[in-house]
């Protein structure tokens, strides 16, 4: 069976705490599945091999944690983008995405719209707009400090979050010196 993988950037501990609390509040309001806070760097990495994992480990060592500017709140009718925090596509983020694309030979013809999803599901526009009102003030940035690859699909289908499986996670930046 053919598997599909997603490559995520994960928020640093303090940012993950407030974002997870916000996701929980929106789930209480809207319903929908739970999932870990993340920014999808690549949504469909088609193959996983030891060489892929080695490449991702190498890339993660050469990228320092990124403070990603949060540019606003958004909503849409796509299941995986129902309610989001939009992220400015800053040059280091785009460079990281391009580096992964070149190394893993992946491409996506759609424009990259970086974001942190807060709620997944099919909701009416009115429900999504009410959810945006639940968010309140946000910090200016969210720091990501880890790169993670997860199995998120199989046999040509995207799985729901409760079936996702983390394969490996690497810290961003060089390993600590002893």
C-alpha atoms as a PDB file:
ATOM      1  CA  UNK A   1       0.000   0.000   0.000  1.00  0.00           C
ATOM      2  CA  UNK A   2       1.337   3.434  -0.953  1.00  0.00           C
ATOM      3  CA  UNK A   3       1.738   5.821   1.973  1.00  0.00           C
ATOM      4  CA  UNK A   4       1.861   9.623   1.963  1.00  0.00           C
ATOM      5  CA  UNK A   5       3.749  11.798   4.391  1.00  0.00           C
ATOM      6  CA  UNK A   6       3.586  15.397   5.575  1.00  0.00           C
ATOM      7  CA  UNK A   7       6.443  17.533   6.767  1.00  0.00           C
ATOM      8  CA  UNK A   8       5.629  19.895   9.640  1.00  0.00           C
ATOM      9  CA  UNK A   9       7.313  22.644  11.600  1.00  0.00           C
ATOM     10  CA  UNK A  10       6.340  22.428  15.260  1.00  0.00           C
ATOM     11  CA  UNK A  11       5.932  25.373  17.640  1.00  0.00           C
ATOM     12  CA  UNK A  12       8.336  25.798  20.530  1.00  0.00           C
ATOM     13  CA  UNK A  13       6.971  24.734  23.926  1.00  0.00           C
ATOM     14  CA  UNK A  14       5.549  28.098  25.066  1.00  0.00           C
ATOM     15  CA  UNK A  15       3.902  28.744  21.704  1.00  0.00           C
ATOM     16  CA  UNK A  16       2.579  25.182  21.500  1.00  0.00           C
ATOM     17  CA  UNK A  17       0.878  25.638  24.895  1.00  0.00           C
ATOM     18  CA  UNK A  18      -1.134  28.746  23.952  1.00  0.00           C
ATOM     19  CA  UNK A  19      -1.916  27.402  20.487  1.00  0.00           C
ATOM     20  CA  UNK A  20      -3.150  24.047  21.848  1.00  0.00           C
ATOM     21  CA  UNK A  21      -5.352  25.904  24.361  1.00  0.00           C
ATOM     22  CA  UNK A  22      -6.796  28.001  21.536  1.00  0.00           C
ATOM     23  CA  UNK A  23      -7.424  24.876  19.435  1.00  0.00           C
ATOM     24  CA  UNK A  24      -9.209  23.272  22.400  1.00  0.00           C
ATOM     25  CA  UNK A  25     -11.416  26.355  22.870  1.00  0.00           C
ATOM     26  CA  UNK A  26     -12.372  26.322  19.182  1.00  0.00           C
ATOM     27  CA  UNK A  27     -13.042  22.550  19.275  1.00  0.00           C
ATOM     28  CA  UNK A  28     -15.374  23.132  22.227  1.00  0.00           C
ATOM     29  CA  UNK A  29     -17.191  25.726  20.145  1.00  0.00           C
ATOM     30  CA  UNK A  30     -17.176  24.045  16.700  1.00  0.00           C
ATOM     31  CA  UNK A  31     -16.491  20.376  17.321  1.00  0.00           C
ATOM     32  CA  UNK A  32     -14.098  18.703  14.910  1.00  0.00           C
ATOM     33  CA  UNK A  33     -11.017  16.557  15.389  1.00  0.00           C
ATOM     34  CA  UNK A  34      -8.079  17.348  17.629  1.00  0.00           C
ATOM     35  CA  UNK A  35      -4.551  17.618  16.228  1.00  0.00           C
ATOM     36  CA  UNK A  36      -1.153  18.883  17.306  1.00  0.00           C
ATOM     37  CA  UNK A  37      -0.267  22.523  16.594  1.00  0.00           C
ATOM     38  CA  UNK A  38       1.881  22.679  13.461  1.00  0.00           C
ATOM     39  CA  UNK A  39       2.710  24.525  10.276  1.00  0.00           C
ATOM     40  CA  UNK A  40       2.705  22.273   7.208  1.00  0.00           C
ATOM     41  CA  UNK A  41       5.924  22.767   5.265  1.00  0.00           C
ATOM     42  CA  UNK A  42       5.019  20.089   2.686  1.00  0.00           C
ATOM     43  CA  UNK A  43       1.659  18.344   2.645  1.00  0.00           C
ATOM     44  CA  UNK A  44       2.507  15.458   0.341  1.00  0.00           C
ATOM     45  CA  UNK A  45       5.938  13.860   0.551  1.00  0.00           C
ATOM     46  CA  UNK A  46       5.346  10.744  -1.566  1.00  0.00           C
ATOM     47  CA  UNK A  47       8.098   8.406  -0.382  1.00  0.00           C
ATOM     48  CA  UNK A  48       9.939   7.670   2.811  1.00  0.00           C
ATOM     49  CA  UNK A  49      13.310   5.970   2.855  1.00  0.00           C
ATOM     50  CA  UNK A  50      16.371   5.966   5.096  1.00  0.00           C
ATOM     51  CA  UNK A  51      17.907   8.472   2.663  1.00  0.00           C
ATOM     52  CA  UNK A  52      14.870  10.775   3.072  1.00  0.00           C
ATOM     53  CA  UNK A  53      15.222  10.648   6.858  1.00  0.00           C
ATOM     54  CA  UNK A  54      18.980  11.342   6.608  1.00  0.00           C
ATOM     55  CA  UNK A  55      18.298  14.314   4.319  1.00  0.00           C
ATOM     56  CA  UNK A  56      15.701  15.766   6.699  1.00  0.00           C
ATOM     57  CA  UNK A  57      18.053  15.298   9.657  1.00  0.00           C
ATOM     58  CA  UNK A  58      20.791  17.171   7.768  1.00  0.00           C
ATOM     59  CA  UNK A  59      18.433  19.979   6.742  1.00  0.00           C
ATOM     60  CA  UNK A  60      17.173  20.396  10.322  1.00  0.00           C
ATOM     61  CA  UNK A  61      20.736  20.823  11.620  1.00  0.00           C
ATOM     62  CA  UNK A  62      21.331  23.738   9.221  1.00  0.00           C
ATOM     63  CA  UNK A  63      18.175  25.727  10.024  1.00  0.00           C
ATOM     64  CA  UNK A  64      17.874  27.687  13.249  1.00  0.00           C
ATOM     65  CA  UNK A  65      14.509  28.019  15.002  1.00  0.00           C
ATOM     66  CA  UNK A  66      12.327  30.526  13.161  1.00  0.00           C
ATOM     67  CA  UNK A  67      10.177  33.281  14.685  1.00  0.00           C
ATOM     68  CA  UNK A  68       7.291  33.304  12.221  1.00  0.00           C
ATOM     69  CA  UNK A  69       5.253  36.534  12.053  1.00  0.00           C
ATOM     70  CA  UNK A  70       1.539  35.899  12.515  1.00  0.00           C
ATOM     71  CA  UNK A  71      -0.217  38.083   9.963  1.00  0.00           C
ATOM     72  CA  UNK A  72      -3.837  37.480  10.871  1.00  0.00           C
ATOM     73  CA  UNK A  73      -6.746  35.145  11.413  1.00  0.00           C
ATOM     74  CA  UNK A  74      -8.443  33.423   8.516  1.00  0.00           C
ATOM     75  CA  UNK A  75     -11.141  30.947   7.614  1.00  0.00           C
ATOM     76  CA  UNK A  76     -12.175  28.945   4.586  1.00  0.00           C
ATOM     77  CA  UNK A  77     -14.290  26.113   3.319  1.00  0.00           C
ATOM     78  CA  UNK A  78     -11.471  23.557   3.010  1.00  0.00           C
ATOM     79  CA  UNK A  79     -11.651  20.857   5.704  1.00  0.00           C
ATOM     80  CA  UNK A  80      -7.999  21.280   6.758  1.00  0.00           C
ATOM     81  CA  UNK A  81      -8.139  25.112   6.673  1.00  0.00           C
ATOM     82  CA  UNK A  82     -11.447  25.869   8.384  1.00  0.00           C
ATOM     83  CA  UNK A  83      -9.922  28.323  10.902  1.00  0.00           C
ATOM     84  CA  UNK A  84      -6.268  29.339  10.668  1.00  0.00           C
ATOM     85  CA  UNK A  85      -3.593  31.723  11.858  1.00  0.00           C
ATOM     86  CA  UNK A  86      -1.956  33.108   8.744  1.00  0.00           C
ATOM     87  CA  UNK A  87       1.847  33.343   8.686  1.00  0.00           C
ATOM     88  CA  UNK A  88       3.936  35.814   6.695  1.00  0.00           C
ATOM     89  CA  UNK A  89       5.983  33.852   4.156  1.00  0.00           C
ATOM     90  CA  UNK A  90       9.320  35.224   5.351  1.00  0.00           C
ATOM     91  CA  UNK A  91      12.473  34.467   3.322  1.00  0.00           C
ATOM     92  CA  UNK A  92      13.962  31.900   5.779  1.00  0.00           C
ATOM     93  CA  UNK A  93      10.702  29.904   5.724  1.00  0.00           C
ATOM     94  CA  UNK A  94      10.542  29.991   1.937  1.00  0.00           C
ATOM     95  CA  UNK A  95      14.228  29.041   1.701  1.00  0.00           C
ATOM     96  CA  UNK A  96      13.627  26.053   3.972  1.00  0.00           C
ATOM     97  CA  UNK A  97      10.671  24.953   1.854  1.00  0.00           C
ATOM     98  CA  UNK A  98      12.708  25.320  -1.339  1.00  0.00           C
ATOM     99  CA  UNK A  99      15.619  23.391   0.172  1.00  0.00           C
ATOM    100  CA  UNK A 100      13.301  20.507   1.065  1.00  0.00           C
ATOM    101  CA  UNK A 101      11.749  20.628  -2.420  1.00  0.00           C
ATOM    102  CA  UNK A 102      15.135  20.366  -4.095  1.00  0.00           C
ATOM    103  CA  UNK A 103      16.520  17.689  -1.793  1.00  0.00           C
ATOM    104  CA  UNK A 104      13.405  15.475  -1.826  1.00  0.00           C
ATOM    105  CA  UNK A 105      12.376  16.319  -5.397  1.00  0.00           C
ATOM    106  CA  UNK A 106       8.858  17.359  -4.433  1.00  0.00           C
ATOM    107  CA  UNK A 107       6.781  20.069  -6.047  1.00  0.00           C
ATOM    108  CA  UNK A 108       3.428  21.705  -5.655  1.00  0.00           C
ATOM    109  CA  UNK A 109       2.046  23.988  -8.357  1.00  0.00           C
ATOM    110  CA  UNK A 110      -0.199  25.798  -5.854  1.00  0.00           C
ATOM    111  CA  UNK A 111       1.107  28.953  -4.168  1.00  0.00           C
ATOM    112  CA  UNK A 112       2.378  28.315  -0.654  1.00  0.00           C
ATOM    113  CA  UNK A 113       0.140  29.893   2.001  1.00  0.00           C
ATOM    114  CA  UNK A 114       1.806  29.172   5.356  1.00  0.00           C
ATOM    115  CA  UNK A 115      -0.558  28.932   8.306  1.00  0.00           C
ATOM    116  CA  UNK A 116      -1.259  27.232  11.610  1.00  0.00           C
ATOM    117  CA  UNK A 117      -4.617  25.475  11.477  1.00  0.00           C
ATOM    118  CA  UNK A 118      -6.744  25.963  14.559  1.00  0.00           C
ATOM    119  CA  UNK A 119      -9.816  23.960  13.533  1.00  0.00           C
ATOM    120  CA  UNK A 120     -10.510  21.288  10.941  1.00  0.00           C
ATOM    121  CA  UNK A 121     -13.954  20.516   9.627  1.00  0.00           C
ATOM    122  CA  UNK A 122     -16.794  21.519   7.348  1.00  0.00           C
ATOM    123  CA  UNK A 123     -18.618  24.467   8.890  1.00  0.00           C
ATOM    124  CA  UNK A 124     -20.809  27.234   7.584  1.00  0.00           C
ATOM    125  CA  UNK A 125     -19.271  30.620   6.919  1.00  0.00           C
ATOM    126  CA  UNK A 126     -21.232  31.983   9.894  1.00  0.00           C
ATOM    127  CA  UNK A 127     -19.792  29.302  12.203  1.00  0.00           C
ATOM    128  CA  UNK A 128     -16.241  29.986  10.993  1.00  0.00           C
ATOM    129  CA  UNK A 129     -16.669  33.737  11.470  1.00  0.00           C
ATOM    130  CA  UNK A 130     -18.038  33.175  14.992  1.00  0.00           C
ATOM    131  CA  UNK A 131     -14.990  30.996  15.681  1.00  0.00           C
ATOM    132  CA  UNK A 132     -12.703  33.836  14.590  1.00  0.00           C
ATOM    133  CA  UNK A 133     -14.421  36.028  17.191  1.00  0.00           C
ATOM    134  CA  UNK A 134     -13.427  33.458  19.855  1.00  0.00           C
ATOM    135  CA  UNK A 135      -9.711  33.902  19.165  1.00  0.00           C
ATOM    136  CA  UNK A 136      -8.885  37.246  20.806  1.00  0.00           C
ATOM    137  CA  UNK A 137      -5.487  38.973  20.716  1.00  0.00           C
ATOM    138  CA  UNK A 138      -2.523  37.039  19.374  1.00  0.00           C
ATOM    139  CA  UNK A 139       1.221  37.294  19.848  1.00  0.00           C
ATOM    140  CA  UNK A 140       3.145  38.864  16.978  1.00  0.00           C
ATOM    141  CA  UNK A 141       5.165  35.721  16.273  1.00  0.00           C
ATOM    142  CA  UNK A 142       5.203  31.983  16.808  1.00  0.00           C
ATOM    143  CA  UNK A 143       8.574  30.285  17.055  1.00  0.00           C
ATOM    144  CA  UNK A 144       9.042  26.882  15.428  1.00  0.00           C
ATOM    145  CA  UNK A 145      11.937  24.799  16.693  1.00  0.00           C
ATOM    146  CA  UNK A 146      11.401  21.270  15.333  1.00  0.00           C
ATOM    147  CA  UNK A 147      10.889  19.538  11.993  1.00  0.00           C
ATOM    148  CA  UNK A 148       8.645  16.474  11.957  1.00  0.00           C
ATOM    149  CA  UNK A 149       7.552  13.930   9.359  1.00  0.00           C
ATOM    150  CA  UNK A 150       4.248  12.122   9.774  1.00  0.00           C
ATOM    151  CA  UNK A 151       2.336   9.473   7.864  1.00  0.00           C
ATOM    152  CA  UNK A 152      -0.839  11.320   6.926  1.00  0.00           C
ATOM    153  CA  UNK A 153      -2.167   9.350   3.970  1.00  0.00           C
ATOM    154  CA  UNK A 154      -2.395   5.961   2.351  1.00  0.00           C
ATOM    155  CA  UNK A 155      -3.630   4.532  -0.921  1.00  0.00           C
ATOM    156  CA  UNK A 156      -4.150   8.019  -2.347  1.00  0.00           C
ATOM    157  CA  UNK A 157      -6.326   9.240   0.557  1.00  0.00           C
ATOM    158  CA  UNK A 158      -5.583  11.791   3.253  1.00  0.00           C
ATOM    159  CA  UNK A 159      -6.258  10.280   6.669  1.00  0.00           C
ATOM    160  CA  UNK A 160      -8.046  12.029   9.510  1.00  0.00           C
ATOM    161  CA  UNK A 161      -5.849  13.279  12.383  1.00  0.00           C
ATOM    162  CA  UNK A 162      -6.547  10.357  14.725  1.00  0.00           C
ATOM    163  CA  UNK A 163      -4.880   8.032  12.179  1.00  0.00           C
ATOM    164  CA  UNK A 164      -1.768  10.179  11.629  1.00  0.00           C
ATOM    165  CA  UNK A 165       1.497   8.679  12.795  1.00  0.00           C
ATOM    166  CA  UNK A 166       4.629  10.612  13.715  1.00  0.00           C
ATOM    167  CA  UNK A 167       7.648   8.985  12.080  1.00  0.00           C
ATOM    168  CA  UNK A 168      10.474  11.201  13.328  1.00  0.00           C
ATOM    169  CA  UNK A 169      11.080  14.669  14.757  1.00  0.00           C
ATOM    170  CA  UNK A 170      14.348  16.633  14.719  1.00  0.00           C
ATOM    171  CA  UNK A 171      15.272  19.819  16.596  1.00  0.00           C
ATOM    172  CA  UNK A 172      16.212  22.779  14.402  1.00  0.00           C
ATOM    173  CA  UNK A 173      19.793  23.895  14.658  1.00  0.00           C
ATOM    174  CA  UNK A 174      23.106  22.216  15.302  1.00  0.00           C
ATOM    175  CA  UNK A 175      23.286  19.560  18.016  1.00  0.00           C
ATOM    176  CA  UNK A 176      24.416  20.837  21.437  1.00  0.00           C
ATOM    177  CA  UNK A 177      28.111  20.564  22.139  1.00  0.00           C
ATOM    178  CA  UNK A 178      29.260  18.560  25.118  1.00  0.00           C
END
